[in-house]
Amino acid sequence: MQFGLHFGSRGNAGEPDSLKALATTAEKLNYAHFGMSDHVVVADTVNSAYPYSPTGRFFAQDTGVSLEQVTALSFVAAATTRIRLLTSVLVLPHRHPVLAAKMLSTVDVLSKGRLTVGVGVGWMEEEIKLLGGPPFSERAKASDEYVEAFREMWTAERPDFKGEFATAQNMLFAPKPVQLDGAPIWVGGEHPGARRRAGRIGNGWYPVAANPKYPLDTPELYAEGLGQVRKAAEDAGRDPSLTGALLAIYSRIGVEQEGRDGARKPFTGSAQAIIDDIEAYRSKGMSHFLIGGDGDDLSKTLERLEEFSQAVMAKVDC
């Protein structure tokens, strides 16, 4: 079992000294992944429903403050030597595919092969439009093409890909990523379409546990989802042994949080309860577990990361 952290690109993770402290502490505590979220800009009016809130309201609508994700991860790369860098997730329609492929390849080269590319199709129509992305209704098809174009640019001596939304031709693309076949791609999302996409084009599935419409709050629901991902891989003629990851942003040691039907929300409560949850999900195929690292106070956040490392990570047989 490997453990990781997810940060919004603001707050403690949005300032250079505190971001460096978070990254170096996470590496010292043996977290395997350091992830950052992706918002380039935030529209001043957002009517799109945020999928991870019961109300649909986007929590970061207040100021719109956010570092650019890939640039911020290059800063983390310079501050660390071992921890893997995770786009958590990169919204594919936000960037031109050739530019995105080069940005990601650059981070992989500068980090000496430590990049994992989490990807998603995005939920905020207004942001995609502001960034000149594809039509919102066609973002899934465009995103599939972007990933195919990434892999072509990352591996082919003379890239030759032409789709409806992405083209990679008549160019030399170098340097290539350090990692063989390019950086691994974890496909985010809980929707059945995202599960199929993960199987068709991903190296792993990276859902969020707390989507009200598609909850993954029991080991059985997670197993069902991962099974659908692997079935999609088989149907596409691919190796079905894809990585099973899960992001539980809300996970905390301490007071139990209430989940559906009044039950304890998984990955909350005592350290032993969280360990038991992790083991139950691991028995269903989860091999990477990530928690949210954000907090208002840097010292308390660092203490919480250390507590989770000692009370949970150290007690799980890795």
Protein backbone atom coordinates (compact mmCIF):
# COMPACT_ATOMS: atom_id res chain seq x y z
CA MET A 1 0.00 0.00 0.00
CA GLN A 2 1.26 3.45 -0.91
CA PHE A 3 -0.01 6.68 0.62
CA GLY A 4 -0.25 10.17 -0.79
CA LEU A 5 -1.48 13.70 -0.27
CA HIS A 6 -3.72 16.03 -2.27
CA PHE A 7 -3.52 19.80 -1.96
CA GLY A 8 -5.48 22.62 -3.48
CA SER A 9 -3.09 25.03 -5.16
CA ARG A 10 -3.75 27.82 -2.68
CA GLY A 11 -3.61 28.45 1.05
CA ASN A 12 -0.58 26.76 2.58
CA ALA A 13 0.17 25.14 -0.77
CA GLY A 14 -0.04 28.51 -2.51
CA GLU A 15 2.91 30.17 -0.76
CA PRO A 16 6.54 29.24 -1.57
CA ASP A 17 7.90 28.69 1.94
CA SER A 18 4.89 26.73 3.20
CA LEU A 19 4.63 24.70 -0.02
CA LYS A 20 8.28 23.74 0.34
CA ALA A 21 7.72 22.81 3.99
CA LEU A 22 4.74 20.63 3.08
CA ALA A 23 6.65 18.88 0.31
CA THR A 24 9.84 18.20 2.25
CA THR A 25 7.88 17.03 5.31
CA ALA A 26 5.73 14.72 3.20
CA GLU A 27 8.85 13.18 1.70
CA LYS A 28 10.50 12.80 5.11
CA LEU A 29 7.36 11.04 6.41
CA ASN A 30 7.45 8.60 3.46
CA TYR A 31 4.31 9.69 1.66
CA ALA A 32 4.61 8.29 -1.86
CA HIS A 33 2.70 10.99 -3.77
CA PHE A 34 2.36 14.76 -3.51
CA GLY A 35 -0.68 15.88 -5.50
CA MET A 36 -1.98 19.31 -6.46
CA SER A 37 -5.31 20.31 -7.98
CA ASP A 38 -5.90 22.20 -11.23
CA HIS A 39 -7.67 25.52 -11.63
CA VAL A 40 -6.01 28.04 -13.91
CA VAL A 41 -8.69 30.69 -13.44
CA VAL A 42 -12.14 30.74 -11.89
CA ALA A 43 -14.97 32.44 -13.69
CA ASP A 44 -16.65 35.25 -11.78
CA THR A 45 -19.99 33.49 -12.28
CA VAL A 46 -20.11 29.68 -12.03
CA ASN A 47 -23.36 27.91 -12.77
CA SER A 48 -21.74 24.50 -13.27
CA ALA A 49 -22.41 22.10 -10.40
CA TYR A 50 -19.39 21.04 -8.36
CA PRO A 51 -19.70 17.22 -8.23
CA TYR A 52 -18.19 16.69 -4.77
CA SER A 53 -20.59 18.84 -2.79
CA PRO A 54 -24.21 17.97 -1.92
CA THR A 55 -25.14 21.57 -2.76
CA GLY A 56 -23.14 21.73 -6.00
CA ARG A 57 -21.39 24.91 -4.86
CA PHE A 58 -17.67 25.22 -5.60
CA PHE A 59 -15.81 25.94 -2.37
CA ALA A 60 -13.07 28.04 -4.04
CA GLN A 61 -15.50 30.46 -5.66
CA ASP A 62 -14.59 33.03 -3.00
CA THR A 63 -11.38 34.50 -4.44
CA GLY A 64 -10.30 32.40 -7.42
CA VAL A 65 -6.77 32.18 -6.01
CA SER A 66 -4.88 29.18 -7.40
CA LEU A 67 -1.33 28.50 -8.55
CA GLU A 68 -0.95 26.92 -11.98
CA GLN A 69 -0.71 23.22 -11.19
CA VAL A 70 2.13 21.94 -13.39
CA THR A 71 4.34 24.95 -12.66
CA ALA A 72 3.77 24.47 -8.94
CA LEU A 73 4.73 20.79 -9.18
CA SER A 74 8.01 21.78 -10.83
CA PHE A 75 8.72 23.82 -7.68
CA VAL A 76 7.95 20.75 -5.56
CA ALA A 77 10.25 18.70 -7.78
CA ALA A 78 13.13 21.07 -7.06
CA ALA A 79 12.50 20.87 -3.30
CA THR A 80 12.42 17.05 -3.12
CA THR A 81 14.27 13.99 -4.38
CA ARG A 82 12.05 10.92 -3.88
CA ILE A 83 8.34 11.70 -3.58
CA ARG A 84 6.27 11.29 -6.72
CA LEU A 85 4.53 14.34 -8.17
CA LEU A 86 0.85 13.90 -8.99
CA THR A 87 -1.48 16.08 -11.02
CA SER A 88 -4.58 15.58 -8.90
CA VAL A 89 -6.06 15.90 -11.46
CA LEU A 90 -4.97 17.77 -14.59
CA VAL A 91 -8.11 18.94 -16.39
CA LEU A 92 -7.33 17.94 -19.96
CA PRO A 93 -9.44 20.61 -21.74
CA HIS A 94 -7.62 23.42 -19.88
CA ARG A 95 -4.48 23.37 -22.05
CA HIS A 96 -3.52 22.91 -25.67
CA PRO A 97 -2.47 19.24 -25.90
CA VAL A 98 1.00 19.93 -27.34
CA LEU A 99 1.77 22.50 -24.67
CA ALA A 100 0.40 20.26 -21.92
CA ALA A 101 2.48 17.31 -23.15
CA LYS A 102 5.63 19.46 -23.07
CA MET A 103 4.88 20.88 -19.62
CA LEU A 104 4.36 17.40 -18.21
CA SER A 105 7.42 16.00 -19.96
CA THR A 106 9.49 18.87 -18.57
CA VAL A 107 8.43 18.10 -15.00
CA ASP A 108 9.21 14.42 -15.52
CA VAL A 109 12.69 15.26 -16.84
CA LEU A 110 13.47 17.78 -14.10
CA SER A 111 12.21 15.41 -11.38
CA LYS A 112 14.21 12.50 -12.85
CA GLY A 113 11.12 10.45 -13.63
CA ARG A 114 8.85 11.13 -10.65
CA LEU A 115 5.68 12.31 -12.38
CA THR A 116 2.29 10.58 -12.27
CA VAL A 117 -0.31 12.26 -14.45
CA GLY A 118 -3.79 12.20 -12.96
CA VAL A 119 -6.26 13.41 -15.58
CA GLY A 120 -9.92 14.32 -15.81
CA VAL A 121 -12.34 15.87 -18.28
CA GLY A 122 -13.39 18.72 -15.99
CA TRP A 123 -16.70 19.88 -14.56
CA MET A 124 -16.58 23.68 -14.78
CA GLU A 125 -17.87 24.68 -18.21
CA GLU A 126 -17.11 28.35 -17.58
CA GLU A 127 -13.40 27.75 -16.90
CA ILE A 128 -12.94 25.54 -19.95
CA LYS A 129 -14.56 28.21 -22.10
CA LEU A 130 -12.36 30.96 -20.66
CA LEU A 131 -9.26 28.91 -21.49
CA GLY A 132 -10.31 28.30 -25.09
CA GLY A 133 -10.95 24.60 -24.63
CA PRO A 134 -13.17 22.33 -26.71
CA PRO A 135 -16.97 22.58 -26.51
CA PHE A 136 -18.05 21.40 -23.08
CA SER A 137 -20.36 18.76 -24.53
CA GLU A 138 -17.42 17.25 -26.43
CA ARG A 139 -14.79 17.47 -23.71
CA ALA A 140 -14.74 13.71 -23.07
CA LYS A 141 -14.00 12.88 -26.72
CA ALA A 142 -11.41 15.66 -26.86
CA SER A 143 -9.78 14.44 -23.65
CA ASP A 144 -9.39 10.92 -25.03
CA GLU A 145 -7.61 12.38 -28.04
CA TYR A 146 -5.36 14.52 -25.84
CA VAL A 147 -4.16 11.44 -23.95
CA GLU A 148 -3.52 9.58 -27.20
CA ALA A 149 -1.59 12.58 -28.50
CA PHE A 150 0.44 12.77 -25.25
CA ARG A 151 1.59 9.19 -25.62
CA GLU A 152 2.45 9.69 -29.29
CA MET A 153 4.58 12.73 -28.49
CA TRP A 154 6.20 11.09 -25.48
CA THR A 155 7.26 7.93 -27.32
CA ALA A 156 7.47 8.42 -31.11
CA GLU A 157 10.61 9.75 -32.73
CA ARG A 158 8.40 11.52 -35.27
CA PRO A 159 4.96 12.06 -33.72
CA ASP A 160 2.15 11.38 -36.16
CA PHE A 161 -1.28 11.81 -34.63
CA LYS A 162 -4.23 13.64 -36.11
CA GLY A 163 -7.66 13.71 -34.50
CA GLU A 164 -10.62 16.02 -34.45
CA PHE A 165 -9.39 17.91 -31.37
CA ALA A 166 -5.66 17.16 -31.16
CA THR A 167 -2.89 17.05 -33.74
CA ALA A 168 0.75 16.12 -33.22
CA GLN A 169 2.51 16.08 -36.59
CA ASN A 170 5.41 17.74 -38.40
CA MET A 171 7.38 18.24 -35.21
CA LEU A 172 10.31 17.09 -33.15
CA PHE A 173 9.24 16.59 -29.54
CA ALA A 174 12.12 16.44 -27.08
CA PRO A 175 13.12 15.77 -24.45
CA LYS A 176 10.96 12.73 -23.92
CA PRO A 177 9.84 11.84 -20.39
CA VAL A 178 12.41 9.91 -18.40
CA GLN A 179 9.95 7.11 -17.66
CA LEU A 180 9.61 4.37 -20.22
CA ASP A 181 6.50 4.90 -22.38
CA GLY A 182 5.95 8.28 -20.72
CA ALA A 183 4.55 9.15 -17.32
CA PRO A 184 1.84 6.81 -15.98
CA ILE A 185 -1.68 8.18 -16.43
CA TRP A 186 -4.29 7.77 -13.71
CA VAL A 187 -7.78 8.59 -14.94
CA GLY A 188 -9.93 10.38 -12.40
CA GLY A 189 -13.69 10.33 -12.11
CA GLU A 190 -16.46 8.20 -10.69
CA HIS A 191 -19.03 8.37 -13.49
CA PRO A 192 -19.40 5.15 -15.52
CA GLY A 193 -17.90 6.99 -18.49
CA ALA A 194 -14.80 7.82 -16.46
CA ARG A 195 -14.50 4.18 -15.42
CA ARG A 196 -14.62 3.09 -19.05
CA ARG A 197 -12.07 5.77 -19.97
CA ALA A 198 -9.70 4.56 -17.26
CA GLY A 199 -9.88 1.06 -18.68
CA ARG A 200 -9.48 2.14 -22.30
CA ILE A 201 -6.60 4.59 -21.96
CA GLY A 202 -5.34 4.74 -18.37
CA ASN A 203 -2.64 3.07 -16.33
CA GLY A 204 -4.81 3.43 -13.26
CA TRP A 205 -8.13 4.61 -11.85
CA TYR A 206 -8.08 7.58 -9.45
CA PRO A 207 -11.58 8.38 -8.17
CA VAL A 208 -12.72 10.51 -5.25
CA ALA A 209 -14.53 8.68 -2.47
CA ALA A 210 -17.16 11.32 -1.76
CA ASN A 211 -19.10 11.95 -4.96
CA PRO A 212 -22.75 12.07 -3.78
CA LYS A 213 -24.03 10.72 -7.11
CA TYR A 214 -21.47 7.92 -7.39
CA PRO A 215 -20.32 7.13 -3.84
CA LEU A 216 -17.45 4.78 -3.16
CA ASP A 217 -18.03 4.63 0.57
CA THR A 218 -17.96 0.86 0.93
CA PRO A 219 -15.33 -1.65 -0.16
CA GLU A 220 -17.98 -3.38 -2.26
CA LEU A 221 -18.78 -0.22 -4.24
CA TYR A 222 -15.07 0.37 -4.82
CA ALA A 223 -14.64 -3.23 -5.98
CA GLU A 224 -17.56 -2.86 -8.36
CA GLY A 225 -16.05 0.29 -9.85
CA LEU A 226 -12.57 -1.14 -10.21
CA GLY A 227 -14.08 -4.25 -11.75
CA GLN A 228 -15.78 -2.09 -14.37
CA VAL A 229 -12.47 -0.36 -15.10
CA ARG A 230 -10.67 -3.64 -15.58
CA LYS A 231 -13.49 -5.07 -17.70
CA ALA A 232 -13.20 -2.01 -19.96
CA ALA A 233 -9.46 -2.66 -20.26
CA GLU A 234 -10.09 -6.28 -21.25
CA ASP A 235 -12.69 -5.20 -23.81
CA ALA A 236 -10.11 -2.83 -25.30
CA GLY A 237 -7.53 -5.63 -25.54
CA ARG A 238 -5.40 -4.15 -22.77
CA ASP A 239 -3.80 -5.61 -19.66
CA PRO A 240 -6.53 -5.33 -17.00
CA SER A 241 -4.12 -5.15 -14.05
CA LEU A 242 -4.44 -1.37 -13.72
CA THR A 243 -3.55 0.56 -10.57
CA GLY A 244 -6.40 1.06 -8.13
CA ALA A 245 -6.16 4.36 -6.25
CA LEU A 246 -8.61 6.35 -4.12
CA LEU A 247 -8.68 9.94 -2.84
CA ALA A 248 -10.50 10.51 0.45
CA ILE A 249 -9.92 14.23 0.89
CA TYR A 250 -11.89 14.33 4.15
CA SER A 251 -9.97 11.55 5.93
CA ARG A 252 -9.06 12.56 9.49
CA ILE A 253 -7.98 10.84 12.67
CA GLY A 254 -10.32 11.90 15.45
CA VAL A 255 -14.06 12.41 15.57
CA GLU A 256 -16.07 10.10 13.36
CA GLN A 257 -17.76 11.88 10.48
CA GLU A 258 -21.30 10.96 9.55
CA GLY A 259 -21.78 9.27 6.22
CA ARG A 260 -24.82 8.08 4.35
CA ASP A 261 -27.75 6.80 6.40
CA GLY A 262 -26.08 7.97 9.60
CA ALA A 263 -23.25 5.46 9.37
CA ARG A 264 -19.64 6.36 10.07
CA LYS A 265 -17.99 7.83 7.00
CA PRO A 266 -15.12 5.53 6.01
CA PHE A 267 -11.56 6.69 6.67
CA THR A 268 -12.65 8.82 9.64
CA GLY A 269 -12.57 8.22 13.38
CA SER A 270 -9.85 6.41 15.25
CA ALA A 271 -6.57 5.43 13.67
CA GLN A 272 -7.51 1.77 13.98
CA ALA A 273 -10.85 2.36 12.26
CA ILE A 274 -9.05 4.03 9.36
CA ILE A 275 -6.52 1.19 9.18
CA ASP A 276 -9.37 -1.33 9.07
CA ASP A 277 -11.00 0.62 6.24
CA ILE A 278 -7.77 0.73 4.26
CA GLU A 279 -7.28 -3.00 4.66
CA ALA A 280 -10.86 -3.69 3.58
CA TYR A 281 -10.45 -1.59 0.44
CA ARG A 282 -7.04 -3.11 -0.24
CA SER A 283 -8.67 -6.54 -0.28
CA LYS A 284 -10.80 -5.22 -3.16
CA GLY A 285 -7.86 -3.97 -5.23
CA MET A 286 -6.91 -0.54 -3.87
CA SER A 287 -3.13 -0.11 -3.79
CA HIS A 288 -2.80 3.69 -3.43
CA PHE A 289 -4.66 5.72 -0.80
CA LEU A 290 -4.55 9.52 -0.69
CA ILE A 291 -5.88 12.02 1.82
CA GLY A 292 -6.39 15.77 1.72
CA GLY A 293 -3.49 17.77 3.11
CA ASP A 294 -5.02 21.23 3.18
CA GLY A 295 -5.29 23.18 6.41
CA ASP A 296 -5.48 26.80 7.53
CA ASP A 297 -2.54 26.61 9.93
CA LEU A 298 0.77 25.31 8.59
CA SER A 299 2.13 23.96 11.88
CA LYS A 300 -1.11 22.12 12.65
CA THR A 301 -1.21 20.73 9.11
CA LEU A 302 2.34 19.41 9.44
CA GLU A 303 1.41 17.85 12.79
CA ARG A 304 -1.60 16.17 11.20
CA LEU A 305 0.53 14.73 8.38
CA GLU A 306 2.97 13.35 10.94
CA GLU A 307 0.17 11.88 13.06
CA PHE A 308 -1.33 10.08 10.07
CA SER A 309 2.11 8.78 9.08
CA GLN A 310 2.84 7.38 12.52
CA ALA A 311 -0.61 6.20 13.57
CA VAL A 312 -1.86 4.82 10.24
CA MET A 313 0.83 4.47 7.58
CA ALA A 314 3.36 2.86 9.90
CA LYS A 315 0.76 0.30 11.02
CA VAL A 316 -0.29 -0.81 7.55
CA ASP A 317 1.71 -3.62 6.00
CA CYS A 318 3.13 -2.06 2.87
